[in-house]
C-alpha atoms as a PDB file:
ATOM      1  CA  MET A   1     288.576 182.640 212.822  1.00  0.00           C
ATOM      2  CA  GLU A   2     290.473 185.815 212.295  1.00  0.00           C
ATOM      3  CA  PRO A   3     290.317 187.101 208.763  1.00  0.00           C
ATOM      4  CA  GLY A   4     293.172 186.115 206.509  1.00  0.00           C
ATOM      5  CA  ASN A   5     295.195 183.844 208.819  1.00  0.00           C
ATOM      6  CA  GLY A   6     293.857 180.547 207.387  1.00  0.00           C
ATOM      7  CA  LYS A   7     293.867 178.817 210.776  1.00  0.00           C
ATOM      8  CA  PRO A   8     290.811 177.313 212.447  1.00  0.00           C
ATOM      9  CA  GLU A   9     289.579 178.717 215.702  1.00  0.00           C
ATOM     10  CA  THR A  10     290.030 176.747 218.879  1.00  0.00           C
ATOM     11  CA  ASN A  11     288.442 176.779 222.307  1.00  0.00           C
ATOM     12  CA  GLN A  12     291.738 177.798 223.919  1.00  0.00           C
ATOM     13  CA  ALA A  13     291.214 180.884 226.050  1.00  0.00           C
ATOM     14  CA  LYS A  14     293.414 183.927 225.475  1.00  0.00           C
ATOM     15  CA  GLY A  15     296.078 184.322 228.077  1.00  0.00           C
ATOM     16  CA  ASP A  16     295.794 180.618 229.012  1.00  0.00           C
ATOM     17  CA  PRO A  17     298.124 178.862 226.545  1.00  0.00           C
ATOM     18  CA  GLY A  18     298.333 175.736 228.615  1.00  0.00           C
ATOM     19  CA  ARG A  19     294.612 174.946 228.611  1.00  0.00           C
ATOM     20  CA  PRO A  20     293.755 172.009 226.337  1.00  0.00           C
ATOM     21  CA  GLU A  21     291.174 172.283 223.553  1.00  0.00           C
ATOM     22  CA  GLU A  22     287.703 171.047 224.386  1.00  0.00           C
ATOM     23  CA  PRO A  23     286.175 168.774 221.739  1.00  0.00           C
ATOM     24  CA  VAL A  24     283.036 169.887 219.909  1.00  0.00           C
ATOM     25  CA  THR A  25     280.048 167.923 221.179  1.00  0.00           C
ATOM     26  CA  GLU A  26     277.535 166.618 218.594  1.00  0.00           C
ATOM     27  CA  PRO A  27     273.872 165.893 219.499  1.00  0.00           C
ATOM     28  CA  LYS A  28     272.896 162.280 219.868  1.00  0.00           C
ATOM     29  CA  ALA A  29     271.377 160.853 216.689  1.00  0.00           C
ATOM     30  CA  ALA A  30     268.699 159.034 218.703  1.00  0.00           C
ATOM     31  CA  GLU A  31     267.221 162.259 220.013  1.00  0.00           C
ATOM     32  CA  LYS A  32     264.052 163.296 218.102  1.00  0.00           C
ATOM     33  CA  THR A  33     263.164 166.852 217.331  1.00  0.00           C
ATOM     34  CA  ALA A  34     259.744 168.135 218.275  1.00  0.00           C
ATOM     35  CA  ALA A  35     258.750 168.121 214.589  1.00  0.00           C
ATOM     36  CA  GLU A  36     259.640 164.435 214.319  1.00  0.00           C
ATOM     37  CA  GLU A  37     257.541 163.597 217.340  1.00  0.00           C
ATOM     38  CA  ARG A  38     254.526 165.452 215.922  1.00  0.00           C
ATOM     39  CA  ALA A  39     254.951 163.667 212.587  1.00  0.00           C
ATOM     40  CA  ALA A  40     255.073 160.276 214.291  1.00  0.00           C
ATOM     41  CA  ALA A  41     251.900 161.053 216.215  1.00  0.00           C
ATOM     42  CA  ASP A  42     250.152 162.185 213.022  1.00  0.00           C
ATOM     43  CA  GLU A  43     251.180 158.983 211.263  1.00  0.00           C
ATOM     44  CA  GLU A  44     249.619 156.887 214.011  1.00  0.00           C
ATOM     45  CA  LYS A  45     246.374 158.838 213.481  1.00  0.00           C
ATOM     46  CA  GLY A  46     246.520 158.383 209.713  1.00  0.00           C
ATOM     47  CA  ILE A  47     247.254 162.062 208.987  1.00  0.00           C
ATOM     48  CA  ASP A  48     249.455 162.630 205.965  1.00  0.00           C
ATOM     49  CA  ALA A  49     251.508 165.695 206.790  1.00  0.00           C
ATOM     50  CA  PRO A  50     252.988 167.493 203.785  1.00  0.00           C
ATOM     51  CA  ALA A  51     256.493 167.329 205.155  1.00  0.00           C
ATOM     52  CA  ILE A  52     258.424 166.428 208.297  1.00  0.00           C
ATOM     53  CA  ALA A  53     261.681 167.672 209.682  1.00  0.00           C
ATOM     54  CA  GLN A  54     264.325 164.975 209.885  1.00  0.00           C
ATOM     55  CA  THR A  55     267.793 165.409 211.400  1.00  0.00           C
ATOM     56  CA  VAL A  56     270.765 164.520 209.269  1.00  0.00           C
ATOM     57  CA  THR A  57     274.463 164.963 209.875  1.00  0.00           C
ATOM     58  CA  ALA A  58     276.095 167.499 207.592  1.00  0.00           C
ATOM     59  CA  PRO A  59     279.584 166.676 206.307  1.00  0.00           C
ATOM     60  CA  GLU A  60     282.654 168.424 207.593  1.00  0.00           C
ATOM     61  CA  HIS A  61     283.156 171.878 206.206  1.00  0.00           C
ATOM     62  CA  SER A  62     286.099 172.290 203.913  1.00  0.00           C
ATOM     63  CA  SER A  63     287.624 174.596 206.424  1.00  0.00           C
ATOM     64  CA  GLY A  64     287.821 171.738 208.882  1.00  0.00           C
ATOM     65  CA  GLN A  65     285.080 173.005 211.190  1.00  0.00           C
ATOM     66  CA  ILE A  66     282.511 170.395 212.237  1.00  0.00           C
ATOM     67  CA  LYS A  67     278.923 171.547 211.849  1.00  0.00           C
ATOM     68  CA  THR A  68     276.211 170.403 214.183  1.00  0.00           C
ATOM     69  CA  GLN A  69     273.151 168.499 213.002  1.00  0.00           C
ATOM     70  CA  GLN A  70     270.485 170.704 211.365  1.00  0.00           C
ATOM     71  CA  PRO A  71     266.809 169.813 210.650  1.00  0.00           C
ATOM     72  CA  ILE A  72     266.164 169.378 206.925  1.00  0.00           C
ATOM     73  CA  ALA A  73     262.588 169.184 205.523  1.00  0.00           C
ATOM     74  CA  VAL A  74     261.898 165.870 203.813  1.00  0.00           C
ATOM     75  CA  PRO A  75     258.638 165.428 201.796  1.00  0.00           C
ATOM     76  CA  ALA A  76     256.190 162.983 203.364  1.00  0.00           C
ATOM     77  CA  SER A  77     255.716 161.268 200.011  1.00  0.00           C
ATOM     78  CA  VAL A  78     259.179 159.731 200.241  1.00  0.00           C
ATOM     79  CA  ARG A  79     258.596 158.221 203.646  1.00  0.00           C
ATOM     80  CA  PRO A  80     257.981 154.473 203.765  1.00  0.00           C
ATOM     81  CA  ARG A  81     254.402 153.548 204.630  1.00  0.00           C
ATOM     82  CA  SER A  82     253.203 150.329 206.130  1.00  0.00           C
ATOM     83  CA  ALA A  83     250.352 148.185 204.771  1.00  0.00           C
ATOM     84  CA  GLY A  84     248.867 148.100 208.239  1.00  0.00           C
ATOM     85  CA  LEU A  85     248.508 151.877 208.289  1.00  0.00           C
ATOM     86  CA  ASP A  86     246.709 151.898 204.907  1.00  0.00           C
ATOM     87  CA  ALA A  87     244.311 149.254 206.166  1.00  0.00           C
ATOM     88  CA  ARG A  88     243.596 151.328 209.282  1.00  0.00           C
ATOM     89  CA  ARG A  89     242.933 154.406 207.155  1.00  0.00           C
ATOM     90  CA  PHE A  90     240.517 152.505 204.891  1.00  0.00           C
ATOM     91  CA  ALA A  91     238.656 151.097 207.893  1.00  0.00           C
ATOM     92  CA  GLY A  92     238.346 154.606 209.256  1.00  0.00           C
ATOM     93  CA  MET A  93     236.816 156.090 206.084  1.00  0.00           C
ATOM     94  CA  SER A  94     233.461 157.671 206.712  1.00  0.00           C
ATOM     95  CA  ARG A  95     230.246 156.582 204.996  1.00  0.00           C
ATOM     96  CA  ARG A  96     230.213 159.868 203.106  1.00  0.00           C
ATOM     97  CA  GLU A  97     233.684 159.236 201.713  1.00  0.00           C
ATOM     98  CA  LEU A  98     232.653 155.774 200.541  1.00  0.00           C
ATOM     99  CA  LEU A  99     229.527 157.169 198.879  1.00  0.00           C
ATOM    100  CA  LYS A 100     231.697 159.574 196.921  1.00  0.00           C
ATOM    101  CA  LEU A 101     233.287 156.548 195.288  1.00  0.00           C
ATOM    102  CA  ALA A 102     229.935 155.037 194.201  1.00  0.00           C
ATOM    103  CA  PRO A 103     229.635 156.919 190.863  1.00  0.00           C
ATOM    104  CA  VAL A 104     233.179 155.933 189.945  1.00  0.00           C
ATOM    105  CA  LEU A 105     232.468 152.284 190.755  1.00  0.00           C
ATOM    106  CA  ALA A 106     229.196 152.381 188.783  1.00  0.00           C
ATOM    107  CA  LEU A 107     230.914 153.828 185.725  1.00  0.00           C
ATOM    108  CA  GLY A 108     233.581 151.196 186.038  1.00  0.00           C
ATOM    109  CA  ALA A 109     230.932 148.467 186.148  1.00  0.00           C
ATOM    110  CA  PHE A 110     229.390 149.762 182.900  1.00  0.00           C
ATOM    111  CA  ALA A 111     232.748 149.199 181.228  1.00  0.00           C
ATOM    112  CA  ILE A 112     232.254 145.443 181.704  1.00  0.00           C
ATOM    113  CA  PRO A 113     230.103 144.210 178.773  1.00  0.00           C
ATOM    114  CA  SER A 114     228.520 141.349 180.705  1.00  0.00           C
ATOM    115  CA  LEU A 115     227.210 143.781 183.357  1.00  0.00           C
ATOM    116  CA  GLN A 116     225.818 146.490 181.087  1.00  0.00           C
ATOM    117  CA  GLU A 117     222.429 144.953 180.255  1.00  0.00           C
ATOM    118  CA  PRO A 118     221.654 143.710 183.814  1.00  0.00           C
ATOM    119  CA  LEU A 119     222.536 147.121 185.247  1.00  0.00           C
ATOM    120  CA  LEU A 120     220.342 148.941 182.733  1.00  0.00           C
ATOM    121  CA  LYS A 121     217.412 146.620 183.470  1.00  0.00           C
ATOM    122  CA  LYS A 122     217.813 147.095 187.205  1.00  0.00           C
ATOM    123  CA  GLY A 123     217.972 150.860 186.808  1.00  0.00           C
ATOM    124  CA  LEU A 124     214.884 150.953 184.584  1.00  0.00           C
ATOM    125  CA  ALA A 125     212.947 148.684 186.954  1.00  0.00           C
ATOM    126  CA  PHE A 126     213.782 150.975 189.872  1.00  0.00           C
ATOM    127  CA  SER A 127     212.702 154.038 187.858  1.00  0.00           C
ATOM    128  CA  ASP A 128     209.351 152.398 187.020  1.00  0.00           C
ATOM    129  CA  TRP A 129     208.855 151.361 190.651  1.00  0.00           C
ATOM    130  CA  ALA A 130     209.541 154.875 191.932  1.00  0.00           C
ATOM    131  CA  SER A 131     207.374 156.535 189.243  1.00  0.00           C
ATOM    132  CA  ALA A 132     204.428 154.270 190.016  1.00  0.00           C
ATOM    133  CA  ARG A 133     204.547 155.212 193.683  1.00  0.00           C
ATOM    134  CA  LEU A 134     204.740 158.906 192.921  1.00  0.00           C
ATOM    135  CA  PHE A 135     201.780 158.742 190.510  1.00  0.00           C
ATOM    136  CA  ARG A 136     198.652 160.488 191.819  1.00  0.00           C
ATOM    137  CA  ARG A 137     195.227 159.762 190.339  1.00  0.00           C
ATOM    138  CA  GLY A 138     194.020 163.231 191.276  1.00  0.00           C
ATOM    139  CA  HIS A 139     196.892 165.022 189.563  1.00  0.00           C
ATOM    140  CA  LEU A 140     195.760 166.086 186.086  1.00  0.00           C
ATOM    141  CA  ALA A 141     197.864 166.596 182.990  1.00  0.00           C
ATOM    142  CA  PRO A 142     197.763 170.160 181.573  1.00  0.00           C
ATOM    143  CA  THR A 143     194.900 171.064 179.239  1.00  0.00           C
ATOM    144  CA  PHE A 144     194.957 173.763 176.574  1.00  0.00           C
ATOM    145  CA  PRO A 145     192.579 176.189 174.824  1.00  0.00           C
ATOM    146  CA  ASP A 146     191.436 175.495 171.272  1.00  0.00           C
ATOM    147  CA  SER A 147     193.694 178.287 170.038  1.00  0.00           C
ATOM    148  CA  GLU A 148     196.761 176.183 170.919  1.00  0.00           C
ATOM    149  CA  LEU A 149     195.663 173.028 169.132  1.00  0.00           C
ATOM    150  CA  THR A 150     197.921 171.562 166.466  1.00  0.00           C
ATOM    151  CA  LEU A 151     196.093 171.518 163.143  1.00  0.00           C
ATOM    152  CA  PHE A 152     194.546 168.126 162.488  1.00  0.00           C
ATOM    153  CA  GLU A 153     196.363 167.913 159.163  1.00  0.00           C
ATOM    154  CA  LYS A 154     199.685 168.397 160.960  1.00  0.00           C
ATOM    155  CA  PHE A 155     199.047 165.845 163.700  1.00  0.00           C
ATOM    156  CA  PRO A 156     201.731 163.179 163.036  1.00  0.00           C
ATOM    157  CA  LEU A 157     200.759 159.658 162.038  1.00  0.00           C
ATOM    158  CA  ASN A 158     202.587 157.020 164.045  1.00  0.00           C
ATOM    159  CA  PHE A 159     201.870 153.342 163.633  1.00  0.00           C
ATOM    160  CA  TYR A 160     203.428 150.048 164.645  1.00  0.00           C
ATOM    161  CA  ASP A 161     202.999 147.968 161.509  1.00  0.00           C
ATOM    162  CA  VAL A 162     200.543 149.507 159.043  1.00  0.00           C
ATOM    163  CA  ALA A 163     198.597 152.773 159.070  1.00  0.00           C
ATOM    164  CA  ASP A 164     195.371 150.897 158.374  1.00  0.00           C
ATOM    165  CA  PRO A 165     195.058 147.272 159.516  1.00  0.00           C
ATOM    166  CA  GLY A 166     191.781 146.939 157.590  1.00  0.00           C
ATOM    167  CA  VAL A 167     189.252 146.780 160.430  1.00  0.00           C
ATOM    168  CA  ILE A 168     185.712 146.070 159.180  1.00  0.00           C
ATOM    169  CA  PHE A 169     183.785 148.576 161.261  1.00  0.00           C
ATOM    170  CA  GLU A 170     180.405 146.857 160.885  1.00  0.00           C
ATOM    171  CA  ASN A 171     181.768 143.667 162.449  1.00  0.00           C
ATOM    172  CA  TRP A 172     184.021 145.266 165.052  1.00  0.00           C
ATOM    173  CA  THR A 173     183.621 144.525 168.771  1.00  0.00           C
ATOM    174  CA  LEU A 174     185.762 144.950 171.859  1.00  0.00           C
ATOM    175  CA  THR A 175     186.198 141.555 173.498  1.00  0.00           C
ATOM    176  CA  VAL A 176     186.308 141.827 177.322  1.00  0.00           C
ATOM    177  CA  THR A 177     187.780 139.059 179.519  1.00  0.00           C
ATOM    178  CA  GLY A 178     189.477 138.571 182.860  1.00  0.00           C
ATOM    179  CA  ALA A 179     188.444 139.766 186.307  1.00  0.00           C
ATOM    180  CA  VAL A 180     185.094 141.284 185.272  1.00  0.00           C
ATOM    181  CA  GLN A 181     181.465 140.526 186.078  1.00  0.00           C
ATOM    182  CA  LYS A 182     180.248 141.117 182.503  1.00  0.00           C
ATOM    183  CA  PRO A 183     182.673 139.606 179.993  1.00  0.00           C
ATOM    184  CA  GLY A 184     181.771 139.488 176.341  1.00  0.00           C
ATOM    185  CA  ASP A 185     181.880 141.424 173.067  1.00  0.00           C
ATOM    186  CA  TYR A 186     180.923 145.085 173.214  1.00  0.00           C
ATOM    187  CA  LYS A 187     179.899 147.049 170.131  1.00  0.00           C
ATOM    188  CA  LEU A 188     180.978 150.654 169.655  1.00  0.00           C
ATOM    189  CA  GLU A 189     177.380 151.842 170.093  1.00  0.00           C
ATOM    190  CA  GLN A 190     177.302 150.341 173.592  1.00  0.00           C
ATOM    191  CA  ILE A 191     180.514 152.076 174.604  1.00  0.00           C
ATOM    192  CA  GLN A 192     179.291 155.384 173.160  1.00  0.00           C
ATOM    193  CA  LYS A 193     176.378 155.375 175.614  1.00  0.00           C
ATOM    194  CA  LEU A 194     178.829 156.305 178.356  1.00  0.00           C
ATOM    195  CA  PRO A 195     179.290 160.028 179.169  1.00  0.00           C
ATOM    196  CA  LEU A 196     181.321 161.790 176.468  1.00  0.00           C
ATOM    197  CA  ARG A 197     184.473 163.594 177.540  1.00  0.00           C
ATOM    198  CA  ARG A 198     186.554 165.884 175.345  1.00  0.00           C
ATOM    199  CA  GLN A 199     189.986 167.187 176.263  1.00  0.00           C
ATOM    200  CA  ASN A 200     192.773 169.217 174.650  1.00  0.00           C
ATOM    201  CA  THR A 201     195.969 167.574 175.859  1.00  0.00           C
ATOM    202  CA  ARG A 202     199.564 167.147 174.837  1.00  0.00           C
ATOM    203  CA  HIS A 203     200.626 163.993 173.012  1.00  0.00           C
ATOM    204  CA  VAL A 204     204.297 163.223 173.664  1.00  0.00           C
ATOM    205  CA  CYS A 205     206.181 160.753 171.497  1.00  0.00           C
ATOM    206  CA  VAL A 206     209.231 158.870 172.720  1.00  0.00           C
ATOM    207  CA  GLU A 207     210.918 159.893 169.459  1.00  0.00           C
ATOM    208  CA  GLY A 208     211.150 163.462 170.756  1.00  0.00           C
ATOM    209  CA  TRP A 209     208.205 165.347 169.260  1.00  0.00           C
ATOM    210  CA  ASP A 210     204.970 166.498 170.880  1.00  0.00           C
ATOM    211  CA  VAL A 211     201.722 168.098 169.707  1.00  0.00           C
ATOM    212  CA  ILE A 212     198.495 169.313 171.298  1.00  0.00           C
ATOM    213  CA  GLY A 213     195.427 167.441 170.105  1.00  0.00           C
ATOM    214  CA  ARG A 214     191.724 167.217 170.874  1.00  0.00           C
ATOM    215  CA  PHE A 215     190.350 163.820 171.811  1.00  0.00           C
ATOM    216  CA  GLY A 216     186.850 162.658 172.707  1.00  0.00           C
ATOM    217  CA  GLY A 217     185.433 159.490 174.216  1.00  0.00           C
ATOM    218  CA  ALA A 218     184.490 157.821 177.488  1.00  0.00           C
ATOM    219  CA  ARG A 219     186.606 157.550 180.578  1.00  0.00           C
ATOM    220  CA  LEU A 220     188.154 154.101 180.789  1.00  0.00           C
ATOM    221  CA  SER A 221     187.148 154.091 184.461  1.00  0.00           C
ATOM    222  CA  ASP A 222     183.479 154.448 183.429  1.00  0.00           C
ATOM    223  CA  PHE A 223     183.799 151.509 181.056  1.00  0.00           C
ATOM    224  CA  LEU A 224     185.459 149.407 183.777  1.00  0.00           C
ATOM    225  CA  THR A 225     182.509 150.192 186.034  1.00  0.00           C
ATOM    226  CA  MET A 226     180.080 149.192 183.253  1.00  0.00           C
ATOM    227  CA  ILE A 227     181.692 145.771 182.824  1.00  0.00           C
ATOM    228  CA  GLY A 228     182.003 145.199 186.584  1.00  0.00           C
ATOM    229  CA  ALA A 229     185.788 145.101 186.589  1.00  0.00           C
ATOM    230  CA  ASP A 230     187.702 144.188 189.712  1.00  0.00           C
ATOM    231  CA  THR A 231     189.651 147.422 190.165  1.00  0.00           C
ATOM    232  CA  THR A 232     191.825 145.836 192.828  1.00  0.00           C
ATOM    233  CA  ALA A 233     193.473 143.886 190.000  1.00  0.00           C
ATOM    234  CA  ARG A 234     196.869 145.149 188.910  1.00  0.00           C
ATOM    235  CA  PHE A 235     196.527 145.593 185.150  1.00  0.00           C
ATOM    236  CA  VAL A 236     194.356 146.385 182.177  1.00  0.00           C
ATOM    237  CA  TYR A 237     195.811 144.638 179.133  1.00  0.00           C
ATOM    238  CA  VAL A 238     194.749 145.454 175.551  1.00  0.00           C
ATOM    239  CA  GLU A 239     195.394 143.963 172.122  1.00  0.00           C
ATOM    240  CA  CYS A 240     194.997 145.636 168.745  1.00  0.00           C
ATOM    241  CA  ALA A 241     194.018 144.799 165.153  1.00  0.00           C
ATOM    242  CA  ASP A 242     197.625 145.273 163.986  1.00  0.00           C
ATOM    243  CA  ASP A 243     198.920 142.774 166.616  1.00  0.00           C
ATOM    244  CA  TYR A 244     200.181 145.579 168.857  1.00  0.00           C
ATOM    245  CA  TYR A 245     199.622 145.064 172.585  1.00  0.00           C
ATOM    246  CA  GLU A 246     199.937 147.210 175.708  1.00  0.00           C
ATOM    247  CA  THR A 247     199.419 147.071 179.480  1.00  0.00           C
ATOM    248  CA  LEU A 248     198.278 149.803 181.869  1.00  0.00           C
ATOM    249  CA  ASP A 249     198.674 149.703 185.630  1.00  0.00           C
ATOM    250  CA  MET A 250     195.291 150.004 187.312  1.00  0.00           C
ATOM    251  CA  ALA A 251     195.991 153.471 188.740  1.00  0.00           C
ATOM    252  CA  THR A 252     196.579 154.812 185.230  1.00  0.00           C
ATOM    253  CA  ALA A 253     193.490 153.025 183.892  1.00  0.00           C
ATOM    254  CA  LEU A 254     191.354 154.699 186.559  1.00  0.00           C
ATOM    255  CA  HIS A 255     192.815 158.174 186.020  1.00  0.00           C
ATOM    256  CA  PRO A 256     190.023 160.624 185.011  1.00  0.00           C
ATOM    257  CA  GLN A 257     191.907 161.701 181.858  1.00  0.00           C
ATOM    258  CA  THR A 258     192.439 158.169 180.506  1.00  0.00           C
ATOM    259  CA  LEU A 259     189.925 157.826 177.676  1.00  0.00           C
ATOM    260  CA  LEU A 260     188.559 155.194 175.316  1.00  0.00           C
ATOM    261  CA  CYS A 261     188.428 157.470 172.270  1.00  0.00           C
ATOM    262  CA  TRP A 262     186.211 157.302 169.195  1.00  0.00           C
ATOM    263  CA  GLU A 263     186.573 161.016 168.378  1.00  0.00           C
ATOM    264  CA  MET A 264     189.416 163.325 167.384  1.00  0.00           C
ATOM    265  CA  TYR A 265     188.882 167.047 166.814  1.00  0.00           C
ATOM    266  CA  ASP A 266     185.118 166.504 167.338  1.00  0.00           C
ATOM    267  CA  ARG A 267     184.984 164.095 164.397  1.00  0.00           C
ATOM    268  CA  PRO A 268     184.990 160.293 164.246  1.00  0.00           C
ATOM    269  CA  LEU A 269     188.447 158.781 164.398  1.00  0.00           C
ATOM    270  CA  THR A 270     190.067 158.177 161.045  1.00  0.00           C
ATOM    271  CA  ARG A 271     191.598 154.799 160.296  1.00  0.00           C
ATOM    272  CA  GLU A 272     195.126 156.235 160.416  1.00  0.00           C
ATOM    273  CA  HIS A 273     194.572 157.616 163.932  1.00  0.00           C
ATOM    274  CA  GLY A 274     193.232 154.375 165.376  1.00  0.00           C
ATOM    275  CA  ALA A 275     189.554 153.898 164.414  1.00  0.00           C
ATOM    276  CA  PRO A 276     187.248 152.642 165.616  1.00  0.00           C
ATOM    277  CA  LEU A 277     188.587 152.840 169.204  1.00  0.00           C
ATOM    278  CA  ARG A 278     191.897 153.862 170.740  1.00  0.00           C
ATOM    279  CA  LEU A 279     193.376 154.964 174.054  1.00  0.00           C
ATOM    280  CA  ASN A 280     194.202 158.562 174.937  1.00  0.00           C
ATOM    281  CA  ILE A 281     196.379 158.863 178.062  1.00  0.00           C
ATOM    282  CA  PRO A 282     197.894 162.343 178.539  1.00  0.00           C
ATOM    283  CA  THR A 283     199.765 161.180 181.640  1.00  0.00           C
ATOM    284  CA  LYS A 284     201.765 158.679 179.567  1.00  0.00           C
ATOM    285  CA  VAL A 285     204.137 158.663 176.616  1.00  0.00           C
ATOM    286  CA  GLY A 286     202.715 157.978 173.141  1.00  0.00           C
ATOM    287  CA  TYR A 287     203.502 154.266 172.783  1.00  0.00           C
ATOM    288  CA  LYS A 288     201.206 153.510 175.746  1.00  0.00           C
ATOM    289  CA  GLN A 289     198.232 154.887 173.772  1.00  0.00           C
ATOM    290  CA  ALA A 290     197.277 151.850 171.719  1.00  0.00           C
ATOM    291  CA  LYS A 291     195.093 152.153 168.590  1.00  0.00           C
ATOM    292  CA  TYR A 292     192.655 149.828 166.758  1.00  0.00           C
ATOM    293  CA  LEU A 293     191.614 148.139 170.037  1.00  0.00           C
ATOM    294  CA  THR A 294     190.121 144.643 169.745  1.00  0.00           C
ATOM    295  CA  ASP A 295     190.570 143.022 173.202  1.00  0.00           C
ATOM    296  CA  LEU A 296     190.621 144.204 176.804  1.00  0.00           C
ATOM    297  CA  LYS A 297     191.514 142.068 179.818  1.00  0.00           C
ATOM    298  CA  VAL A 298     191.524 142.899 183.532  1.00  0.00           C
ATOM    299  CA  THR A 299     194.161 140.766 185.231  1.00  0.00           C
ATOM    300  CA  ASN A 300     196.795 140.409 187.914  1.00  0.00           C
ATOM    301  CA  VAL A 301     199.267 138.637 185.643  1.00  0.00           C
ATOM    302  CA  VAL A 302     200.475 139.464 182.132  1.00  0.00           C
ATOM    303  CA  GLU A 303     202.522 137.112 179.984  1.00  0.00           C
ATOM    304  CA  LYS A 304     203.772 139.999 177.869  1.00  0.00           C
ATOM    305  CA  TYR A 305     203.648 143.629 178.938  1.00  0.00           C
ATOM    306  CA  GLY A 306     203.854 145.753 175.820  1.00  0.00           C
ATOM    307  CA  TYR A 307     205.412 145.672 172.382  1.00  0.00           C
ATOM    308  CA  TRP A 308     208.049 148.316 173.181  1.00  0.00           C
ATOM    309  CA  GLU A 309     208.394 147.452 176.844  1.00  0.00           C
ATOM    310  CA  ASP A 310     209.281 143.863 175.960  1.00  0.00           C
ATOM    311  CA  GLN A 311     212.138 145.284 173.935  1.00  0.00           C
ATOM    312  CA  GLY A 312     213.554 147.194 176.890  1.00  0.00           C
ATOM    313  CA  TYR A 313     211.472 150.377 177.107  1.00  0.00           C
ATOM    314  CA  SER A 314     209.928 151.671 180.326  1.00  0.00           C
ATOM    315  CA  GLU A 315     206.744 149.932 181.492  1.00  0.00           C
ATOM    316  CA  PHE A 316     205.418 152.970 183.348  1.00  0.00           C
ATOM    317  CA  TYR A 317     206.812 155.982 181.472  1.00  0.00           C
ATOM    318  CA  GLY A 318     204.755 158.681 183.139  1.00  0.00           C
ATOM    319  CA  LEU A 319     204.875 162.348 182.153  1.00  0.00           C
END
């Protein structure tokens, strides 16, 4: 169009006034651009392209000139998607992608009150199972020099019911039953004939505190040998004068640092710390270390495992 004349251009050639105008040819709407074809192929493969080029017809220009079709970018998010495609994409998800969703699903399950307690019990049971299989009898808990001992006066007193259940020492015996060759009642003097072991080890409480103490007594494994215990049995179960009870797996009972203690800081046990006989197990948390022992049973079956364990605490709880 020549400037300023206001008339649209035509296809009439100069010098040929009799030649008719040729109509402007528009592309066929059915023809796909190369971008459209690539987008269609990607969709079949499940690839979500950020945008595709679609061809639309622009309206007539105000001047009267007809514009040809131009590709305009349209976001992929506005394209219709089929349910079949979503199903194909889900089926094609890799195992790794599905595993990424597991924590989200687990957290969602904990939001359902009826599932919370079963899930916690299953998780704790798996933790105990794994810990028991990783436990090594030859792996010793750390020991410490005398200079690092907590003062006896500052060693915390923890008890289940009362600090002193009133044991009459002169009448006290340890009653042994179960899978043993020599059941019966054992006096403290008999147990003290076994080799004496002393060790400075850390005592860790489930409440969050820990101290280093000095304990003395006989290895529980030596006592089990003395009574002819069947060490292929699964458990050593003990009961206490204050009605507390506890169970040890056999591997823990046979560990060289698991002691039947009658000494603390090279002195006889005080009543508050479990006299006349208690357990010292530096490979376990504090509530496994029962005090005021009265009964010991070697068995493959326990009707109740431990006072705290029966309320939901870990049965193994190794350190």
